[in-house]
Amino acid sequence: MRGGELKKVSDLFSKYREKLIAPQSSVVSALVEVVDDLMGIKIKPEQVDYSTSTRTLHLRLPAVLRQEIQRNKGDILLHLKGRLGERNAPKELV
């Protein structure tokens, strides 16, 4: 017989969940989906850069589209936080 308590399966991965961060591609794809869902603007993943160290998204779009997205920056960042979690969500959208 083994001594000790049984652990929940979800608890076994908590160590990794706390330390790992979302890769750049998943943050970029989440942004593409959120912008399309909220605003109906289609952007390509190639038009977005994400710096994992500063947690900043950089848009390489025409000025008109960039300005429109900037107007809704608060909503977009809030939706990204909901999709990716507090720890993995970007802090800035430029």
PDB file of N, CA and C in Angstrom:
ATOM      1  N   MET A   1       0.834  -1.180   0.000  1.00  0.00           N
ATOM      2  CA  MET A   1       0.000   0.000   0.000  1.00  0.00           C
ATOM      3  C   MET A   1       0.877   1.240   0.000  1.00  0.00           C
ATOM      4  N   ARG A   2       0.336   2.266  -0.623  1.00  0.00           N
ATOM      5  CA  ARG A   2       1.043   3.551  -0.664  1.00  0.00           C
ATOM      6  C   ARG A   2       0.460   4.480   0.376  1.00  0.00           C
ATOM      7  N   GLY A   3       1.301   5.193   1.053  1.00  0.00           N
ATOM      8  CA  GLY A   3       0.830   6.133   2.063  1.00  0.00           C
ATOM      9  C   GLY A   3       0.608   7.507   1.459  1.00  0.00           C
ATOM     10  N   GLY A   4      -0.130   8.317   2.160  1.00  0.00           N
ATOM     11  CA  GLY A   4      -0.340   9.688   1.705  1.00  0.00           C
ATOM     12  C   GLY A   4      -1.708   9.880   1.062  1.00  0.00           C
ATOM     13  N   GLU A   5      -1.965  11.093   0.731  1.00  0.00           N
ATOM     14  CA  GLU A   5      -3.251  11.438   0.133  1.00  0.00           C
ATOM     15  C   GLU A   5      -3.204  11.308  -1.382  1.00  0.00           C
ATOM     16  N   LEU A   6      -4.366  11.111  -1.951  1.00  0.00           N
ATOM     17  CA  LEU A   6      -4.477  11.110  -3.401  1.00  0.00           C
ATOM     18  C   LEU A   6      -4.553  12.555  -3.873  1.00  0.00           C
ATOM     19  N   LYS A   7      -3.913  12.833  -4.987  1.00  0.00           N
ATOM     20  CA  LYS A   7      -3.936  14.182  -5.550  1.00  0.00           C
ATOM     21  C   LYS A   7      -4.882  14.229  -6.736  1.00  0.00           C
ATOM     22  N   LYS A   8      -5.473  15.389  -6.925  1.00  0.00           N
ATOM     23  CA  LYS A   8      -6.301  15.593  -8.108  1.00  0.00           C
ATOM     24  C   LYS A   8      -5.378  15.693  -9.306  1.00  0.00           C
ATOM     25  N   VAL A   9      -5.872  15.272 -10.450  1.00  0.00           N
ATOM     26  CA  VAL A   9      -5.060  15.324 -11.662  1.00  0.00           C
ATOM     27  C   VAL A   9      -4.699  16.769 -11.998  1.00  0.00           C
ATOM     28  N   SER A  10      -5.632  17.702 -11.804  1.00  0.00           N
ATOM     29  CA  SER A  10      -5.355  19.110 -12.125  1.00  0.00           C
ATOM     30  C   SER A  10      -4.233  19.674 -11.254  1.00  0.00           C
ATOM     31  N   ASP A  11      -4.068  19.163 -10.049  1.00  0.00           N
ATOM     32  CA  ASP A  11      -3.006  19.639  -9.161  1.00  0.00           C
ATOM     33  C   ASP A  11      -1.618  19.196  -9.632  1.00  0.00           C
ATOM     34  N   LEU A  12      -1.565  18.119 -10.388  1.00  0.00           N
ATOM     35  CA  LEU A  12      -0.279  17.613 -10.854  1.00  0.00           C
ATOM     36  C   LEU A  12       0.391  18.590 -11.823  1.00  0.00           C
ATOM     37  N   PHE A  13      -0.411  19.365 -12.549  1.00  0.00           N
ATOM     38  CA  PHE A  13       0.132  20.277 -13.542  1.00  0.00           C
ATOM     39  C   PHE A  13       0.181  21.720 -13.059  1.00  0.00           C
ATOM     40  N   SER A  14      -0.166  21.987 -11.820  1.00  0.00           N
ATOM     41  CA  SER A  14      -0.205  23.359 -11.328  1.00  0.00           C
ATOM     42  C   SER A  14       1.180  24.008 -11.359  1.00  0.00           C
ATOM     43  N   LYS A  15       2.212  23.235 -11.101  1.00  0.00           N
ATOM     44  CA  LYS A  15       3.575  23.770 -11.125  1.00  0.00           C
ATOM     45  C   LYS A  15       3.907  24.331 -12.515  1.00  0.00           C
ATOM     46  N   TYR A  16       3.530  23.605 -13.561  1.00  0.00           N
ATOM     47  CA  TYR A  16       3.814  24.046 -14.921  1.00  0.00           C
ATOM     48  C   TYR A  16       2.923  25.209 -15.327  1.00  0.00           C
ATOM     49  N   ARG A  17       1.673  25.181 -14.900  1.00  0.00           N
ATOM     50  CA  ARG A  17       0.721  26.237 -15.227  1.00  0.00           C
ATOM     51  C   ARG A  17       1.189  27.577 -14.666  1.00  0.00           C
ATOM     52  N   GLU A  18       1.832  27.556 -13.517  1.00  0.00           N
ATOM     53  CA  GLU A  18       2.302  28.785 -12.882  1.00  0.00           C
ATOM     54  C   GLU A  18       3.579  29.317 -13.516  1.00  0.00           C
ATOM     55  N   LYS A  19       4.410  28.446 -14.068  1.00  0.00           N
ATOM     56  CA  LYS A  19       5.709  28.873 -14.577  1.00  0.00           C
ATOM     57  C   LYS A  19       5.751  29.106 -16.073  1.00  0.00           C
ATOM     58  N   LEU A  20       4.954  28.381 -16.836  1.00  0.00           N
ATOM     59  CA  LEU A  20       5.006  28.505 -18.286  1.00  0.00           C
ATOM     60  C   LEU A  20       4.178  29.692 -18.754  1.00  0.00           C
ATOM     61  N   ILE A  21       4.645  30.338 -19.816  1.00  0.00           N
ATOM     62  CA  ILE A  21       3.885  31.438 -20.401  1.00  0.00           C
ATOM     63  C   ILE A  21       3.487  31.057 -21.822  1.00  0.00           C
ATOM     64  N   ALA A  22       2.461  31.737 -22.319  1.00  0.00           N
ATOM     65  CA  ALA A  22       1.973  31.442 -23.659  1.00  0.00           C
ATOM     66  C   ALA A  22       3.022  31.814 -24.700  1.00  0.00           C
ATOM     67  N   PRO A  23       3.211  30.965 -25.710  1.00  0.00           N
ATOM     68  CA  PRO A  23       4.172  31.307 -26.755  1.00  0.00           C
ATOM     69  C   PRO A  23       3.645  32.450 -27.621  1.00  0.00           C
ATOM     70  N   GLN A  24       4.547  33.062 -28.313  1.00  0.00           N
ATOM     71  CA  GLN A  24       4.222  34.218 -29.137  1.00  0.00           C
ATOM     72  C   GLN A  24       3.094  33.915 -30.120  1.00  0.00           C
ATOM     73  N   SER A  25       3.131  32.777 -30.766  1.00  0.00           N
ATOM     74  CA  SER A  25       2.130  32.466 -31.794  1.00  0.00           C
ATOM     75  C   SER A  25       0.717  32.375 -31.224  1.00  0.00           C
ATOM     76  N   SER A  26       0.564  31.864 -30.008  1.00  0.00           N
ATOM     77  CA  SER A  26      -0.790  31.768 -29.453  1.00  0.00           C
ATOM     78  C   SER A  26      -1.323  33.139 -29.053  1.00  0.00           C
ATOM     79  N   VAL A  27      -0.464  34.060 -28.633  1.00  0.00           N
ATOM     80  CA  VAL A  27      -0.895  35.413 -28.305  1.00  0.00           C
ATOM     81  C   VAL A  27      -1.308  36.145 -29.586  1.00  0.00           C
ATOM     82  N   VAL A  28      -0.515  35.993 -30.631  1.00  0.00           N
ATOM     83  CA  VAL A  28      -0.819  36.647 -31.905  1.00  0.00           C
ATOM     84  C   VAL A  28      -2.119  36.103 -32.488  1.00  0.00           C
ATOM     85  N   SER A  29      -2.309  34.797 -32.473  1.00  0.00           N
ATOM     86  CA  SER A  29      -3.540  34.232 -33.027  1.00  0.00           C
ATOM     87  C   SER A  29      -4.755  34.642 -32.199  1.00  0.00           C
ATOM     88  N   ALA A  30      -4.605  34.771 -30.889  1.00  0.00           N
ATOM     89  CA  ALA A  30      -5.713  35.245 -30.057  1.00  0.00           C
ATOM     90  C   ALA A  30      -6.067  36.681 -30.412  1.00  0.00           C
ATOM     91  N   LEU A  31      -5.062  37.536 -30.671  1.00  0.00           N
ATOM     92  CA  LEU A  31      -5.330  38.915 -31.070  1.00  0.00           C
ATOM     93  C   LEU A  31      -6.085  38.959 -32.396  1.00  0.00           C
ATOM     94  N   VAL A  32      -5.653  38.156 -33.356  1.00  0.00           N
ATOM     95  CA  VAL A  32      -6.316  38.121 -34.666  1.00  0.00           C
ATOM     96  C   VAL A  32      -7.786  37.750 -34.500  1.00  0.00           C
ATOM     97  N   GLU A  33      -8.071  36.749 -33.670  1.00  0.00           N
ATOM     98  CA  GLU A  33      -9.452  36.322 -33.435  1.00  0.00           C
ATOM     99  C   GLU A  33     -10.262  37.391 -32.717  1.00  0.00           C
ATOM    100  N   VAL A  34      -9.688  38.017 -31.697  1.00  0.00           N
ATOM    101  CA  VAL A  34     -10.407  39.031 -30.915  1.00  0.00           C
ATOM    102  C   VAL A  34     -10.734  40.248 -31.778  1.00  0.00           C
ATOM    103  N   VAL A  35      -9.778  40.711 -32.578  1.00  0.00           N
ATOM    104  CA  VAL A  35     -10.032  41.864 -33.445  1.00  0.00           C
ATOM    105  C   VAL A  35     -11.120  41.533 -34.464  1.00  0.00           C
ATOM    106  N   ASP A  36     -11.097  40.342 -34.998  1.00  0.00           N
ATOM    107  CA  ASP A  36     -12.134  39.935 -35.947  1.00  0.00           C
ATOM    108  C   ASP A  36     -13.495  39.836 -35.257  1.00  0.00           C
ATOM    109  N   ASP A  37     -13.545  39.240 -34.067  1.00  0.00           N
ATOM    110  CA  ASP A  37     -14.810  39.087 -33.340  1.00  0.00           C
ATOM    111  C   ASP A  37     -15.398  40.433 -32.930  1.00  0.00           C
ATOM    112  N   LEU A  38     -14.576  41.314 -32.372  1.00  0.00           N
ATOM    113  CA  LEU A  38     -15.068  42.587 -31.848  1.00  0.00           C
ATOM    114  C   LEU A  38     -15.341  43.626 -32.923  1.00  0.00           C
ATOM    115  N   MET A  39     -14.464  43.691 -33.920  1.00  0.00           N
ATOM    116  CA  MET A  39     -14.523  44.791 -34.864  1.00  0.00           C
ATOM    117  C   MET A  39     -14.811  44.371 -36.298  1.00  0.00           C
ATOM    118  N   GLY A  40     -14.696  43.105 -36.591  1.00  0.00           N
ATOM    119  CA  GLY A  40     -14.904  42.648 -37.967  1.00  0.00           C
ATOM    120  C   GLY A  40     -13.743  42.994 -38.886  1.00  0.00           C
ATOM    121  N   ILE A  41     -12.586  43.301 -38.321  1.00  0.00           N
ATOM    122  CA  ILE A  41     -11.401  43.630 -39.113  1.00  0.00           C
ATOM    123  C   ILE A  41     -10.525  42.386 -39.197  1.00  0.00           C
ATOM    124  N   LYS A  42     -10.212  41.992 -40.416  1.00  0.00           N
ATOM    125  CA  LYS A  42      -9.369  40.816 -40.629  1.00  0.00           C
ATOM    126  C   LYS A  42      -7.913  41.262 -40.738  1.00  0.00           C
ATOM    127  N   ILE A  43      -7.097  40.775 -39.823  1.00  0.00           N
ATOM    128  CA  ILE A  43      -5.658  41.011 -39.917  1.00  0.00           C
ATOM    129  C   ILE A  43      -4.957  39.668 -39.975  1.00  0.00           C
ATOM    130  N   LYS A  44      -3.777  39.672 -40.557  1.00  0.00           N
ATOM    131  CA  LYS A  44      -3.005  38.437 -40.696  1.00  0.00           C
ATOM    132  C   LYS A  44      -1.993  38.349 -39.562  1.00  0.00           C
ATOM    133  N   PRO A  45      -1.683  37.148 -39.111  1.00  0.00           N
ATOM    134  CA  PRO A  45      -0.672  36.988 -38.055  1.00  0.00           C
ATOM    135  C   PRO A  45       0.686  37.590 -38.436  1.00  0.00           C
ATOM    136  N   GLU A  46       0.993  37.645 -39.728  1.00  0.00           N
ATOM    137  CA  GLU A  46       2.265  38.218 -40.173  1.00  0.00           C
ATOM    138  C   GLU A  46       2.327  39.725 -39.938  1.00  0.00           C
ATOM    139  N   GLN A  47       1.168  40.357 -39.705  1.00  0.00           N
ATOM    140  CA  GLN A  47       1.101  41.799 -39.500  1.00  0.00           C
ATOM    141  C   GLN A  47       1.224  42.182 -38.026  1.00  0.00           C
ATOM    142  N   VAL A  48       1.478  41.189 -37.180  1.00  0.00           N
ATOM    143  CA  VAL A  48       1.549  41.434 -35.745  1.00  0.00           C
ATOM    144  C   VAL A  48       2.857  40.874 -35.201  1.00  0.00           C
ATOM    145  N   ASP A  49       3.530  41.675 -34.390  1.00  0.00           N
ATOM    146  CA  ASP A  49       4.728  41.212 -33.672  1.00  0.00           C
ATOM    147  C   ASP A  49       4.412  41.241 -32.186  1.00  0.00           C
ATOM    148  N   TYR A  50       4.934  40.254 -31.456  1.00  0.00           N
ATOM    149  CA  TYR A  50       4.720  40.209 -30.012  1.00  0.00           C
ATOM    150  C   TYR A  50       6.054  40.040 -29.315  1.00  0.00           C
ATOM    151  N   SER A  51       6.339  40.948 -28.396  1.00  0.00           N
ATOM    152  CA  SER A  51       7.544  40.859 -27.584  1.00  0.00           C
ATOM    153  C   SER A  51       7.171  40.193 -26.259  1.00  0.00           C
ATOM    154  N   THR A  52       7.680  39.002 -26.027  1.00  0.00           N
ATOM    155  CA  THR A  52       7.330  38.275 -24.808  1.00  0.00           C
ATOM    156  C   THR A  52       7.938  38.905 -23.570  1.00  0.00           C
ATOM    157  N   SER A  53       9.087  39.563 -23.724  1.00  0.00           N
ATOM    158  CA  SER A  53       9.737  40.144 -22.550  1.00  0.00           C
ATOM    159  C   SER A  53       8.981  41.368 -22.025  1.00  0.00           C
ATOM    160  N   THR A  54       8.452  42.192 -22.932  1.00  0.00           N
ATOM    161  CA  THR A  54       7.711  43.382 -22.499  1.00  0.00           C
ATOM    162  C   THR A  54       6.204  43.174 -22.569  1.00  0.00           C
ATOM    163  N   ARG A  55       5.789  42.041 -23.104  1.00  0.00           N
ATOM    164  CA  ARG A  55       4.366  41.709 -23.284  1.00  0.00           C
ATOM    165  C   ARG A  55       3.644  42.800 -24.066  1.00  0.00           C
ATOM    166  N   THR A  56       4.258  43.200 -25.200  1.00  0.00           N
ATOM    167  CA  THR A  56       3.725  44.256 -26.037  1.00  0.00           C
ATOM    168  C   THR A  56       3.454  43.729 -27.439  1.00  0.00           C
ATOM    169  N   LEU A  57       2.267  44.034 -27.956  1.00  0.00           N
ATOM    170  CA  LEU A  57       1.892  43.699 -29.323  1.00  0.00           C
ATOM    171  C   LEU A  57       2.145  44.917 -30.210  1.00  0.00           C
ATOM    172  N   HIS A  58       2.804  44.709 -31.338  1.00  0.00           N
ATOM    173  CA  HIS A  58       3.069  45.772 -32.305  1.00  0.00           C
ATOM    174  C   HIS A  58       2.319  45.436 -33.589  1.00  0.00           C
ATOM    175  N   LEU A  59       1.507  46.376 -34.053  1.00  0.00           N
ATOM    176  CA  LEU A  59       0.728  46.177 -35.275  1.00  0.00           C
ATOM    177  C   LEU A  59       1.449  46.807 -36.453  1.00  0.00           C
ATOM    178  N   ARG A  60       1.609  46.052 -37.504  1.00  0.00           N
ATOM    179  CA  ARG A  60       2.172  46.569 -38.751  1.00  0.00           C
ATOM    180  C   ARG A  60       1.037  46.646 -39.767  1.00  0.00           C
ATOM    181  N   LEU A  61       0.192  47.656 -39.588  1.00  0.00           N
ATOM    182  CA  LEU A  61      -1.009  47.843 -40.399  1.00  0.00           C
ATOM    183  C   LEU A  61      -1.034  49.261 -40.943  1.00  0.00           C
ATOM    184  N   PRO A  62      -1.868  49.514 -41.968  1.00  0.00           N
ATOM    185  CA  PRO A  62      -2.056  50.897 -42.399  1.00  0.00           C
ATOM    186  C   PRO A  62      -2.572  51.754 -41.233  1.00  0.00           C
ATOM    187  N   ALA A  63      -2.239  53.035 -41.265  1.00  0.00           N
ATOM    188  CA  ALA A  63      -2.561  53.946 -40.162  1.00  0.00           C
ATOM    189  C   ALA A  63      -4.051  53.959 -39.823  1.00  0.00           C
ATOM    190  N   VAL A  64      -4.910  53.890 -40.817  1.00  0.00           N
ATOM    191  CA  VAL A  64      -6.356  53.943 -40.576  1.00  0.00           C
ATOM    192  C   VAL A  64      -6.808  52.753 -39.729  1.00  0.00           C
ATOM    193  N   LEU A  65      -6.350  51.556 -40.080  1.00  0.00           N
ATOM    194  CA  LEU A  65      -6.721  50.359 -39.315  1.00  0.00           C
ATOM    195  C   LEU A  65      -6.111  50.386 -37.919  1.00  0.00           C
ATOM    196  N   ARG A  66      -4.868  50.819 -37.837  1.00  0.00           N
ATOM    197  CA  ARG A  66      -4.193  50.894 -36.534  1.00  0.00           C
ATOM    198  C   ARG A  66      -4.919  51.849 -35.589  1.00  0.00           C
ATOM    199  N   GLN A  67      -5.357  52.991 -36.102  1.00  0.00           N
ATOM    200  CA  GLN A  67      -6.091  53.955 -35.284  1.00  0.00           C
ATOM    201  C   GLN A  67      -7.424  53.389 -34.816  1.00  0.00           C
ATOM    202  N   GLU A  68      -8.099  52.675 -35.697  1.00  0.00           N
ATOM    203  CA  GLU A  68      -9.396  52.078 -35.334  1.00  0.00           C
ATOM    204  C   GLU A  68      -9.212  51.037 -34.233  1.00  0.00           C
ATOM    205  N   ILE A  69      -8.180  50.250 -34.336  1.00  0.00           N
ATOM    206  CA  ILE A  69      -7.900  49.234 -33.318  1.00  0.00           C
ATOM    207  C   ILE A  69      -7.482  49.915 -32.010  1.00  0.00           C
ATOM    208  N   GLN A  70      -6.711  50.994 -32.099  1.00  0.00           N
ATOM    209  CA  GLN A  70      -6.283  51.715 -30.897  1.00  0.00           C
ATOM    210  C   GLN A  70      -7.473  52.287 -30.125  1.00  0.00           C
ATOM    211  N   ARG A  71      -8.520  52.701 -30.842  1.00  0.00           N
ATOM    212  CA  ARG A  71      -9.721  53.213 -30.165  1.00  0.00           C
ATOM    213  C   ARG A  71     -10.368  52.159 -29.282  1.00  0.00           C
ATOM    214  N   ASN A  72     -10.232  50.911 -29.677  1.00  0.00           N
ATOM    215  CA  ASN A  72     -10.843  49.802 -28.935  1.00  0.00           C
ATOM    216  C   ASN A  72      -9.807  49.009 -28.147  1.00  0.00           C
ATOM    217  N   LYS A  73      -8.656  49.615 -27.888  1.00  0.00           N
ATOM    218  CA  LYS A  73      -7.547  48.928 -27.228  1.00  0.00           C
ATOM    219  C   LYS A  73      -7.948  48.333 -25.870  1.00  0.00           C
ATOM    220  N   GLY A  74      -8.684  49.079 -25.075  1.00  0.00           N
ATOM    221  CA  GLY A  74      -9.085  48.594 -23.749  1.00  0.00           C
ATOM    222  C   GLY A  74      -9.914  47.321 -23.827  1.00  0.00           C
ATOM    223  N   ASP A  75     -10.901  47.316 -24.732  1.00  0.00           N
ATOM    224  CA  ASP A  75     -11.745  46.126 -24.905  1.00  0.00           C
ATOM    225  C   ASP A  75     -10.937  44.941 -25.429  1.00  0.00           C
ATOM    226  N   ILE A  76     -10.050  45.215 -26.357  1.00  0.00           N
ATOM    227  CA  ILE A  76      -9.243  44.145 -26.945  1.00  0.00           C
ATOM    228  C   ILE A  76      -8.342  43.512 -25.888  1.00  0.00           C
ATOM    229  N   LEU A  77      -7.652  44.349 -25.106  1.00  0.00           N
ATOM    230  CA  LEU A  77      -6.777  43.811 -24.061  1.00  0.00           C
ATOM    231  C   LEU A  77      -7.566  43.057 -22.996  1.00  0.00           C
ATOM    232  N   LEU A  78      -8.771  43.523 -22.688  1.00  0.00           N
ATOM    233  CA  LEU A  78      -9.621  42.836 -21.721  1.00  0.00           C
ATOM    234  C   LEU A  78     -10.033  41.454 -22.232  1.00  0.00           C
ATOM    235  N   HIS A  79     -10.405  41.373 -23.503  1.00  0.00           N
ATOM    236  CA  HIS A  79     -10.775  40.082 -24.089  1.00  0.00           C
ATOM    237  C   HIS A  79      -9.567  39.138 -24.162  1.00  0.00           C
ATOM    238  N   LEU A  80      -8.401  39.685 -24.473  1.00  0.00           N
ATOM    239  CA  LEU A  80      -7.198  38.846 -24.499  1.00  0.00           C
ATOM    240  C   LEU A  80      -6.885  38.303 -23.110  1.00  0.00           C
ATOM    241  N   LYS A  81      -7.096  39.120 -22.100  1.00  0.00           N
ATOM    242  CA  LYS A  81      -6.868  38.670 -20.721  1.00  0.00           C
ATOM    243  C   LYS A  81      -7.827  37.533 -20.373  1.00  0.00           C
ATOM    244  N   GLY A  82      -9.073  37.627 -20.857  1.00  0.00           N
ATOM    245  CA  GLY A  82     -10.048  36.561 -20.624  1.00  0.00           C
ATOM    246  C   GLY A  82      -9.676  35.271 -21.332  1.00  0.00           C
ATOM    247  N   ARG A  83      -9.133  35.381 -22.530  1.00  0.00           N
ATOM    248  CA  ARG A  83      -8.777  34.187 -23.301  1.00  0.00           C
ATOM    249  C   ARG A  83      -7.464  33.556 -22.847  1.00  0.00           C
ATOM    250  N   LEU A  84      -6.480  34.391 -22.542  1.00  0.00           N
ATOM    251  CA  LEU A  84      -5.139  33.880 -22.252  1.00  0.00           C
ATOM    252  C   LEU A  84      -4.820  33.799 -20.765  1.00  0.00           C
ATOM    253  N   GLY A  85      -5.611  34.476 -19.938  1.00  0.00           N
ATOM    254  CA  GLY A  85      -5.325  34.519 -18.515  1.00  0.00           C
ATOM    255  C   GLY A  85      -4.485  35.739 -18.176  1.00  0.00           C
ATOM    256  N   GLU A  86      -4.544  36.143 -16.925  1.00  0.00           N
ATOM    257  CA  GLU A  86      -3.842  37.340 -16.451  1.00  0.00           C
ATOM    258  C   GLU A  86      -2.345  37.279 -16.724  1.00  0.00           C
ATOM    259  N   ARG A  87      -1.751  36.150 -16.478  1.00  0.00           N
ATOM    260  CA  ARG A  87      -0.295  36.017 -16.584  1.00  0.00           C
ATOM    261  C   ARG A  87       0.210  36.012 -18.019  1.00  0.00           C
ATOM    262  N   ASN A  88      -0.595  35.526 -18.961  1.00  0.00           N
ATOM    263  CA  ASN A  88      -0.157  35.387 -20.338  1.00  0.00           C
ATOM    264  C   ASN A  88      -0.622  36.505 -21.254  1.00  0.00           C
ATOM    265  N   ALA A  89      -1.545  37.327 -20.804  1.00  0.00           N
ATOM    266  CA  ALA A  89      -2.104  38.363 -21.671  1.00  0.00           C
ATOM    267  C   ALA A  89      -1.108  39.504 -21.866  1.00  0.00           C
ATOM    268  N   PRO A  90      -1.122  40.091 -23.068  1.00  0.00           N
ATOM    269  CA  PRO A  90      -0.249  41.254 -23.295  1.00  0.00           C
ATOM    270  C   PRO A  90      -0.700  42.448 -22.474  1.00  0.00           C
ATOM    271  N   LYS A  91       0.244  43.314 -22.157  1.00  0.00           N
ATOM    272  CA  LYS A  91      -0.070  44.510 -21.358  1.00  0.00           C
ATOM    273  C   LYS A  91      -0.271  45.735 -22.227  1.00  0.00           C
ATOM    274  N   GLU A  92       0.296  45.718 -23.437  1.00  0.00           N
ATOM    275  CA  GLU A  92       0.256  46.910 -24.282  1.00  0.00           C
ATOM    276  C   GLU A  92       0.011  46.528 -25.733  1.00  0.00           C
ATOM    277  N   LEU A  93      -0.685  47.400 -26.433  1.00  0.00           N
ATOM    278  CA  LEU A  93      -0.980  47.225 -27.851  1.00  0.00           C
ATOM    279  C   LEU A  93      -0.573  48.507 -28.562  1.00  0.00           C
ATOM    280  N   VAL A  94       0.414  48.410 -29.439  1.00  0.00           N
ATOM    281  CA  VAL A  94       0.956  49.592 -30.118  1.00  0.00           C
ATOM    282  C   VAL A  94       0.769  49.430 -31.607  1.00  0.00           C
TER     283      VAL A  94
END
